[in-house]
PDB file of N, CA and C in Angstrom:
ATOM      1  N   MET A   1      -8.892 -14.448   6.050  1.00  0.00           N
ATOM      2  CA  MET A   1     -10.146 -13.748   6.232  1.00  0.00           C
ATOM      3  C   MET A   1      -9.976 -12.304   5.734  1.00  0.00           C
ATOM      4  N   PHE A   2     -10.937 -11.837   4.990  1.00  0.00           N
ATOM      5  CA  PHE A   2     -10.932 -10.480   4.453  1.00  0.00           C
ATOM      6  C   PHE A   2     -12.164  -9.730   4.948  1.00  0.00           C
ATOM      7  N   VAL A   3     -12.032  -8.436   5.032  1.00  0.00           N
ATOM      8  CA  VAL A   3     -13.106  -7.592   5.547  1.00  0.00           C
ATOM      9  C   VAL A   3     -13.395  -6.483   4.549  1.00  0.00           C
ATOM     10  N   THR A   4     -14.676  -6.295   4.253  1.00  0.00           N
ATOM     11  CA  THR A   4     -15.125  -5.102   3.533  1.00  0.00           C
ATOM     12  C   THR A   4     -15.640  -4.164   4.610  1.00  0.00           C
ATOM     13  N   TYR A   5     -15.215  -2.913   4.564  1.00  0.00           N
ATOM     14  CA  TYR A   5     -15.557  -1.992   5.651  1.00  0.00           C
ATOM     15  C   TYR A   5     -16.027  -0.652   5.117  1.00  0.00           C
ATOM     16  N   VAL A   6     -16.770   0.029   5.964  1.00  0.00           N
ATOM     17  CA  VAL A   6     -17.220   1.385   5.664  1.00  0.00           C
ATOM     18  C   VAL A   6     -16.796   2.265   6.836  1.00  0.00           C
ATOM     19  N   LEU A   7     -16.053   3.299   6.516  1.00  0.00           N
ATOM     20  CA  LEU A   7     -15.704   4.310   7.512  1.00  0.00           C
ATOM     21  C   LEU A   7     -16.636   5.490   7.330  1.00  0.00           C
ATOM     22  N   TYR A   8     -16.909   6.172   8.421  1.00  0.00           N
ATOM     23  CA  TYR A   8     -17.787   7.337   8.364  1.00  0.00           C
ATOM     24  C   TYR A   8     -17.152   8.481   9.131  1.00  0.00           C
ATOM     25  N   SER A   9     -17.147   9.648   8.511  1.00  0.00           N
ATOM     26  CA  SER A   9     -16.702  10.873   9.170  1.00  0.00           C
ATOM     27  C   SER A   9     -17.948  11.695   9.483  1.00  0.00           C
ATOM     28  N   GLU A  10     -18.342  11.678  10.739  1.00  0.00           N
ATOM     29  CA  GLU A  10     -19.530  12.428  11.147  1.00  0.00           C
ATOM     30  C   GLU A  10     -19.321  13.930  10.956  1.00  0.00           C
ATOM     31  N   LYS A  11     -18.120  14.400  11.221  1.00  0.00           N
ATOM     32  CA  LYS A  11     -17.807  15.816  11.088  1.00  0.00           C
ATOM     33  C   LYS A  11     -18.041  16.326   9.668  1.00  0.00           C
ATOM     34  N   PHE A  12     -17.707  15.505   8.661  1.00  0.00           N
ATOM     35  CA  PHE A  12     -17.828  15.907   7.260  1.00  0.00           C
ATOM     36  C   PHE A  12     -18.923  15.158   6.498  1.00  0.00           C
ATOM     37  N   ASN A  13     -19.635  14.254   7.187  1.00  0.00           N
ATOM     38  CA  ASN A  13     -20.684  13.431   6.580  1.00  0.00           C
ATOM     39  C   ASN A  13     -20.166  12.714   5.330  1.00  0.00           C
ATOM     40  N   GLN A  14     -18.995  12.087   5.472  1.00  0.00           N
ATOM     41  CA  GLN A  14     -18.343  11.402   4.358  1.00  0.00           C
ATOM     42  C   GLN A  14     -18.238   9.909   4.633  1.00  0.00           C
ATOM     43  N   LEU A  15     -18.346   9.113   3.569  1.00  0.00           N
ATOM     44  CA  LEU A  15     -18.142   7.676   3.629  1.00  0.00           C
ATOM     45  C   LEU A  15     -16.831   7.313   2.949  1.00  0.00           C
ATOM     46  N   TYR A  16     -16.199   6.263   3.440  1.00  0.00           N
ATOM     47  CA  TYR A  16     -15.064   5.667   2.753  1.00  0.00           C
ATOM     48  C   TYR A  16     -15.291   4.163   2.784  1.00  0.00           C
ATOM     49  N   ILE A  17     -15.233   3.522   1.631  1.00  0.00           N
ATOM     50  CA  ILE A  17     -15.489   2.095   1.519  1.00  0.00           C
ATOM     51  C   ILE A  17     -14.219   1.418   1.023  1.00  0.00           C
ATOM     52  N   GLY A  18     -13.826   0.333   1.690  1.00  0.00           N
ATOM     53  CA  GLY A  18     -12.631  -0.378   1.287  1.00  0.00           C
ATOM     54  C   GLY A  18     -12.663  -1.829   1.715  1.00  0.00           C
ATOM     55  N   TYR A  19     -11.575  -2.541   1.453  1.00  0.00           N
ATOM     56  CA  TYR A  19     -11.435  -3.913   1.930  1.00  0.00           C
ATOM     57  C   TYR A  19      -9.997  -4.142   2.358  1.00  0.00           C
ATOM     58  N   THR A  20      -9.801  -5.116   3.238  1.00  0.00           N
ATOM     59  CA  THR A  20      -8.481  -5.398   3.762  1.00  0.00           C
ATOM     60  C   THR A  20      -8.456  -6.780   4.394  1.00  0.00           C
ATOM     61  N   SER A  21      -7.265  -7.273   4.672  1.00  0.00           N
ATOM     62  CA  SER A  21      -7.127  -8.512   5.440  1.00  0.00           C
ATOM     63  C   SER A  21      -6.730  -8.197   6.885  1.00  0.00           C
ATOM     64  N   ASP A  22      -6.489  -6.926   7.187  1.00  0.00           N
ATOM     65  CA  ASP A  22      -6.083  -6.514   8.533  1.00  0.00           C
ATOM     66  C   ASP A  22      -6.793  -5.205   8.891  1.00  0.00           C
ATOM     67  N   LEU A  23      -8.008  -5.320   9.383  1.00  0.00           N
ATOM     68  CA  LEU A  23      -8.840  -4.145   9.626  1.00  0.00           C
ATOM     69  C   LEU A  23      -8.224  -3.183  10.632  1.00  0.00           C
ATOM     70  N   MET A  24      -7.665  -3.689  11.710  1.00  0.00           N
ATOM     71  CA  MET A  24      -7.128  -2.793  12.742  1.00  0.00           C
ATOM     72  C   MET A  24      -5.977  -1.933  12.196  1.00  0.00           C
ATOM     73  N   ASN A  25      -5.039  -2.541  11.493  1.00  0.00           N
ATOM     74  CA  ASN A  25      -3.936  -1.758  10.921  1.00  0.00           C
ATOM     75  C   ASN A  25      -4.445  -0.775   9.876  1.00  0.00           C
ATOM     76  N   ARG A  26      -5.378  -1.225   9.058  1.00  0.00           N
ATOM     77  CA  ARG A  26      -5.914  -0.351   8.007  1.00  0.00           C
ATOM     78  C   ARG A  26      -6.655   0.820   8.621  1.00  0.00           C
ATOM     79  N   PHE A  27      -7.437   0.566   9.664  1.00  0.00           N
ATOM     80  CA  PHE A  27      -8.163   1.642  10.338  1.00  0.00           C
ATOM     81  C   PHE A  27      -7.189   2.645  10.949  1.00  0.00           C
ATOM     82  N   HIS A  28      -6.166   2.157  11.620  1.00  0.00           N
ATOM     83  CA  HIS A  28      -5.176   3.073  12.209  1.00  0.00           C
ATOM     84  C   HIS A  28      -4.469   3.877  11.129  1.00  0.00           C
ATOM     85  N   SER A  29      -4.269   3.285   9.978  1.00  0.00           N
ATOM     86  CA  SER A  29      -3.667   4.011   8.860  1.00  0.00           C
ATOM     87  C   SER A  29      -4.572   5.163   8.429  1.00  0.00           C
ATOM     88  N   HIS A  30      -5.858   4.869   8.265  1.00  0.00           N
ATOM     89  CA  HIS A  30      -6.803   5.920   7.879  1.00  0.00           C
ATOM     90  C   HIS A  30      -6.920   6.976   8.980  1.00  0.00           C
ATOM     91  N   LYS A  31      -6.918   6.524  10.207  1.00  0.00           N
ATOM     92  CA  LYS A  31      -7.181   7.406  11.347  1.00  0.00           C
ATOM     93  C   LYS A  31      -6.007   8.329  11.670  1.00  0.00           C
ATOM     94  N   SER A  32      -4.778   7.806  11.570  1.00  0.00           N
ATOM     95  CA  SER A  32      -3.675   8.659  12.014  1.00  0.00           C
ATOM     96  C   SER A  32      -2.341   8.454  11.305  1.00  0.00           C
ATOM     97  N   PHE A  33      -2.038   7.267  10.805  1.00  0.00           N
ATOM     98  CA  PHE A  33      -0.711   7.015  10.248  1.00  0.00           C
ATOM     99  C   PHE A  33      -0.504   7.624   8.871  1.00  0.00           C
ATOM    100  N   ALA A  34      -1.517   7.604   8.048  1.00  0.00           N
ATOM    101  CA  ALA A  34      -1.367   8.069   6.665  1.00  0.00           C
ATOM    102  C   ALA A  34      -1.034   9.558   6.629  1.00  0.00           C
ATOM    103  N   THR A  35      -0.174   9.919   5.673  1.00  0.00           N
ATOM    104  CA  THR A  35       0.195  11.329   5.528  1.00  0.00           C
ATOM    105  C   THR A  35      -0.303  11.925   4.221  1.00  0.00           C
ATOM    106  N   LYS A  36      -0.881  11.085   3.357  1.00  0.00           N
ATOM    107  CA  LYS A  36      -1.466  11.584   2.125  1.00  0.00           C
ATOM    108  C   LYS A  36      -2.627  10.679   1.733  1.00  0.00           C
ATOM    109  N   GLY A  37      -3.474  11.179   0.855  1.00  0.00           N
ATOM    110  CA  GLY A  37      -4.612  10.392   0.382  1.00  0.00           C
ATOM    111  C   GLY A  37      -5.941  11.018   0.767  1.00  0.00           C
ATOM    112  N   HIS A  38      -6.990  10.414   0.276  1.00  0.00           N
ATOM    113  CA  HIS A  38      -8.351  10.926   0.455  1.00  0.00           C
ATOM    114  C   HIS A  38      -8.771  10.979   1.928  1.00  0.00           C
ATOM    115  N   THR A  39      -8.430   9.956   2.685  1.00  0.00           N
ATOM    116  CA  THR A  39      -8.989   9.860   4.043  1.00  0.00           C
ATOM    117  C   THR A  39      -8.413  10.871   5.029  1.00  0.00           C
ATOM    118  N   ILE A  40      -7.261  11.431   4.764  1.00  0.00           N
ATOM    119  CA  ILE A  40      -6.700  12.372   5.745  1.00  0.00           C
ATOM    120  C   ILE A  40      -7.497  13.669   5.818  1.00  0.00           C
ATOM    121  N   LYS A  41      -8.209  14.008   4.753  1.00  0.00           N
ATOM    122  CA  LYS A  41      -8.969  15.266   4.714  1.00  0.00           C
ATOM    123  C   LYS A  41     -10.225  15.231   5.574  1.00  0.00           C
ATOM    124  N   TYR A  42     -10.692  14.033   5.909  1.00  0.00           N
ATOM    125  CA  TYR A  42     -11.997  13.913   6.562  1.00  0.00           C
ATOM    126  C   TYR A  42     -11.917  13.272   7.937  1.00  0.00           C
ATOM    127  N   ARG A  43     -10.778  13.326   8.565  1.00  0.00           N
ATOM    128  CA  ARG A  43     -10.629  12.775   9.915  1.00  0.00           C
ATOM    129  C   ARG A  43     -11.434  13.587  10.914  1.00  0.00           C
ATOM    130  N   PRO A  44     -11.957  12.988  11.949  1.00  0.00           N
ATOM    131  CA  PRO A  44     -11.800  11.615  12.409  1.00  0.00           C
ATOM    132  C   PRO A  44     -12.803  10.668  11.759  1.00  0.00           C
ATOM    133  N   TRP A  45     -12.438   9.392  11.711  1.00  0.00           N
ATOM    134  CA  TRP A  45     -13.261   8.334  11.132  1.00  0.00           C
ATOM    135  C   TRP A  45     -13.728   7.383  12.221  1.00  0.00           C
ATOM    136  N   ILE A  46     -14.889   6.771  11.984  1.00  0.00           N
ATOM    137  CA  ILE A  46     -15.325   5.643  12.800  1.00  0.00           C
ATOM    138  C   ILE A  46     -15.592   4.473  11.856  1.00  0.00           C
ATOM    139  N   VAL A  47     -15.392   3.259  12.350  1.00  0.00           N
ATOM    140  CA  VAL A  47     -15.760   2.079  11.575  1.00  0.00           C
ATOM    141  C   VAL A  47     -17.265   1.913  11.752  1.00  0.00           C
ATOM    142  N   ALA A  48     -18.013   2.133  10.674  1.00  0.00           N
ATOM    143  CA  ALA A  48     -19.462   2.135  10.757  1.00  0.00           C
ATOM    144  C   ALA A  48     -20.081   0.806  10.355  1.00  0.00           C
ATOM    145  N   TYR A  49     -19.370   0.010   9.541  1.00  0.00           N
ATOM    146  CA  TYR A  49     -19.953  -1.223   9.027  1.00  0.00           C
ATOM    147  C   TYR A  49     -18.846  -2.147   8.564  1.00  0.00           C
ATOM    148  N   VAL A  50     -18.976  -3.444   8.849  1.00  0.00           N
ATOM    149  CA  VAL A  50     -18.005  -4.435   8.378  1.00  0.00           C
ATOM    150  C   VAL A  50     -18.725  -5.696   7.924  1.00  0.00           C
ATOM    151  N   GLU A  51     -18.145  -6.358   6.952  1.00  0.00           N
ATOM    152  CA  GLU A  51     -18.589  -7.679   6.496  1.00  0.00           C
ATOM    153  C   GLU A  51     -17.345  -8.538   6.333  1.00  0.00           C
ATOM    154  N   PHE A  52     -17.431  -9.795   6.743  1.00  0.00           N
ATOM    155  CA  PHE A  52     -16.303 -10.710   6.655  1.00  0.00           C
ATOM    156  C   PHE A  52     -16.477 -11.650   5.468  1.00  0.00           C
ATOM    157  N   HIS A  53     -15.346 -11.934   4.791  1.00  0.00           N
ATOM    158  CA  HIS A  53     -15.354 -12.776   3.597  1.00  0.00           C
ATOM    159  C   HIS A  53     -14.201 -13.776   3.660  1.00  0.00           C
ATOM    160  N   GLU A  54     -14.417 -14.916   3.043  1.00  0.00           N
ATOM    161  CA  GLU A  54     -13.391 -15.966   3.016  1.00  0.00           C
ATOM    162  C   GLU A  54     -12.257 -15.638   2.039  1.00  0.00           C
ATOM    163  N   THR A  55     -12.573 -14.974   0.934  1.00  0.00           N
ATOM    164  CA  THR A  55     -11.551 -14.719  -0.084  1.00  0.00           C
ATOM    165  C   THR A  55     -11.441 -13.230  -0.405  1.00  0.00           C
ATOM    166  N   LYS A  56     -10.293 -12.877  -0.940  1.00  0.00           N
ATOM    167  CA  LYS A  56     -10.058 -11.504  -1.376  1.00  0.00           C
ATOM    168  C   LYS A  56     -11.025 -11.124  -2.486  1.00  0.00           C
ATOM    169  N   ASN A  57     -11.288 -12.039  -3.388  1.00  0.00           N
ATOM    170  CA  ASN A  57     -12.194 -11.768  -4.504  1.00  0.00           C
ATOM    171  C   ASN A  57     -13.606 -11.443  -4.004  1.00  0.00           C
ATOM    172  N   GLN A  58     -14.092 -12.171  -3.006  1.00  0.00           N
ATOM    173  CA  GLN A  58     -15.411 -11.888  -2.437  1.00  0.00           C
ATOM    174  C   GLN A  58     -15.443 -10.494  -1.810  1.00  0.00           C
ATOM    175  N   ALA A  59     -14.393 -10.146  -1.087  1.00  0.00           N
ATOM    176  CA  ALA A  59     -14.330  -8.832  -0.442  1.00  0.00           C
ATOM    177  C   ALA A  59     -14.282  -7.715  -1.480  1.00  0.00           C
ATOM    178  N   LEU A  60     -13.497  -7.899  -2.520  1.00  0.00           N
ATOM    179  CA  LEU A  60     -13.386  -6.899  -3.579  1.00  0.00           C
ATOM    180  C   LEU A  60     -14.710  -6.736  -4.318  1.00  0.00           C
ATOM    181  N   THR A  61     -15.385  -7.838  -4.588  1.00  0.00           N
ATOM    182  CA  THR A  61     -16.693  -7.779  -5.252  1.00  0.00           C
ATOM    183  C   THR A  61     -17.691  -7.012  -4.399  1.00  0.00           C
ATOM    184  N   ARG A  62     -17.692  -7.285  -3.092  1.00  0.00           N
ATOM    185  CA  ARG A  62     -18.625  -6.589  -2.198  1.00  0.00           C
ATOM    186  C   ARG A  62     -18.264  -5.105  -2.087  1.00  0.00           C
ATOM    187  N   GLU A  63     -16.979  -4.787  -2.064  1.00  0.00           N
ATOM    188  CA  GLU A  63     -16.563  -3.388  -2.036  1.00  0.00           C
ATOM    189  C   GLU A  63     -17.132  -2.649  -3.248  1.00  0.00           C
ATOM    190  N   LYS A  64     -17.037  -3.250  -4.412  1.00  0.00           N
ATOM    191  CA  LYS A  64     -17.563  -2.627  -5.627  1.00  0.00           C
ATOM    192  C   LYS A  64     -19.071  -2.441  -5.539  1.00  0.00           C
ATOM    193  N   GLN A  65     -19.778  -3.415  -4.959  1.00  0.00           N
ATOM    194  CA  GLN A  65     -21.221  -3.286  -4.786  1.00  0.00           C
ATOM    195  C   GLN A  65     -21.558  -2.125  -3.856  1.00  0.00           C
ATOM    196  N   LEU A  66     -20.816  -2.012  -2.756  1.00  0.00           N
ATOM    197  CA  LEU A  66     -21.089  -0.940  -1.791  1.00  0.00           C
ATOM    198  C   LEU A  66     -20.758   0.433  -2.357  1.00  0.00           C
ATOM    199  N   LYS A  67     -19.859   0.497  -3.325  1.00  0.00           N
ATOM    200  CA  LYS A  67     -19.515   1.778  -3.939  1.00  0.00           C
ATOM    201  C   LYS A  67     -20.515   2.214  -5.013  1.00  0.00           C
ATOM    202  N   SER A  68     -21.452   1.345  -5.363  1.00  0.00           N
ATOM    203  CA  SER A  68     -22.500   1.718  -6.322  1.00  0.00           C
ATOM    204  C   SER A  68     -23.500   2.637  -5.624  1.00  0.00           C
ATOM    205  N   SER A  69     -24.382   3.236  -6.378  1.00  0.00           N
ATOM    206  CA  SER A  69     -25.365   4.138  -5.776  1.00  0.00           C
ATOM    207  C   SER A  69     -26.271   3.387  -4.794  1.00  0.00           C
ATOM    208  N   ARG A  70     -26.691   2.178  -5.143  1.00  0.00           N
ATOM    209  CA  ARG A  70     -27.518   1.389  -4.216  1.00  0.00           C
ATOM    210  C   ARG A  70     -26.727   0.997  -2.976  1.00  0.00           C
ATOM    211  N   GLY A  71     -25.463   0.683  -3.172  1.00  0.00           N
ATOM    212  CA  GLY A  71     -24.610   0.318  -2.049  1.00  0.00           C
ATOM    213  C   GLY A  71     -24.385   1.482  -1.106  1.00  0.00           C
ATOM    214  N   ARG A  72     -24.147   2.661  -1.662  1.00  0.00           N
ATOM    215  CA  ARG A  72     -23.961   3.841  -0.813  1.00  0.00           C
ATOM    216  C   ARG A  72     -25.238   4.181  -0.055  1.00  0.00           C
ATOM    217  N   LYS A  73     -26.381   3.977  -0.696  1.00  0.00           N
ATOM    218  CA  LYS A  73     -27.661   4.193  -0.009  1.00  0.00           C
ATOM    219  C   LYS A  73     -27.777   3.225   1.172  1.00  0.00           C
ATOM    220  N   PHE A  74     -27.436   1.958   0.951  1.00  0.00           N
ATOM    221  CA  PHE A  74     -27.446   0.956   2.011  1.00  0.00           C
ATOM    222  C   PHE A  74     -26.523   1.392   3.154  1.00  0.00           C
ATOM    223  N   CYS A  75     -25.322   1.842   2.823  1.00  0.00           N
ATOM    224  CA  CYS A  75     -24.353   2.279   3.835  1.00  0.00           C
ATOM    225  C   CYS A  75     -24.898   3.454   4.638  1.00  0.00           C
ATOM    226  N   ARG A  76     -25.450   4.423   3.966  1.00  0.00           N
ATOM    227  CA  ARG A  76     -26.006   5.592   4.664  1.00  0.00           C
ATOM    228  C   ARG A  76     -27.135   5.185   5.610  1.00  0.00           C
ATOM    229  N   GLU A  77     -27.981   4.250   5.176  1.00  0.00           N
ATOM    230  CA  GLU A  77     -29.062   3.783   6.045  1.00  0.00           C
ATOM    231  C   GLU A  77     -28.503   3.083   7.278  1.00  0.00           C
ATOM    232  N   GLN A  78     -27.459   2.290   7.105  1.00  0.00           N
ATOM    233  CA  GLN A  78     -26.815   1.620   8.229  1.00  0.00           C
ATOM    234  C   GLN A  78     -26.230   2.647   9.202  1.00  0.00           C
ATOM    235  N   ILE A  79     -25.553   3.653   8.655  1.00  0.00           N
ATOM    236  CA  ILE A  79     -24.902   4.664   9.493  1.00  0.00           C
ATOM    237  C   ILE A  79     -25.930   5.523  10.209  1.00  0.00           C
ATOM    238  N   LEU A  80     -26.977   5.942   9.524  1.00  0.00           N
ATOM    239  CA  LEU A  80     -28.016   6.737  10.175  1.00  0.00           C
ATOM    240  C   LEU A  80     -28.643   5.948  11.310  1.00  0.00           C
ATOM    241  N   GLY A  81     -28.761   4.643  11.143  1.00  0.00           N
ATOM    242  CA  GLY A  81     -29.263   3.797  12.214  1.00  0.00           C
ATOM    243  C   GLY A  81     -28.340   3.834  13.419  1.00  0.00           C
ATOM    244  N   LEU A  82     -27.030   3.822  13.174  1.00  0.00           N
ATOM    245  CA  LEU A  82     -26.057   3.891  14.269  1.00  0.00           C
ATOM    246  C   LEU A  82     -26.112   5.230  14.973  1.00  0.00           C
ATOM    247  N   ILE A  83     -26.195   6.291  14.221  1.00  0.00           N
ATOM    248  CA  ILE A  83     -26.179   7.629  14.808  1.00  0.00           C
ATOM    249  C   ILE A  83     -27.432   7.865  15.649  1.00  0.00           C
ATOM    250  N   SER A  84     -28.582   7.383  15.179  1.00  0.00           N
ATOM    251  CA  SER A  84     -29.822   7.610  15.923  1.00  0.00           C
ATOM    252  C   SER A  84     -29.852   6.818  17.223  1.00  0.00           C
ATOM    253  N   VAL A  85     -29.042   5.734  17.317  1.00  0.00           N
ATOM    254  CA  VAL A  85     -28.994   4.928  18.547  1.00  0.00           C
ATOM    255  C   VAL A  85     -28.224   5.662  19.641  1.00  0.00           C
ATOM    256  N   ARG A  86     -27.256   6.472  19.259  1.00  0.00           N
ATOM    257  CA  ARG A  86     -26.429   7.165  20.257  1.00  0.00           C
ATOM    258  C   ARG A  86     -27.171   8.189  21.009  1.00  0.00           C
TER     259      ARG A  86
END
């Protein structure tokens, strides 16, 4: 099982889109374990959106879609919906 995910940094209003087969480990890596890379600059992160896929290829294809301008718009709408609920 593979997951396409969107992380959101409310503090910096930043999105990070990725895919993995182990969401919990990957999230902890973004959140605290990593010592270099894009995500360390925008901590803290929340998992704002996830989709599950049967294959790695499906997850990678969806990741690419979410990274497009239409995909990022979709992600922002999902996240704004989450923030307004709180």
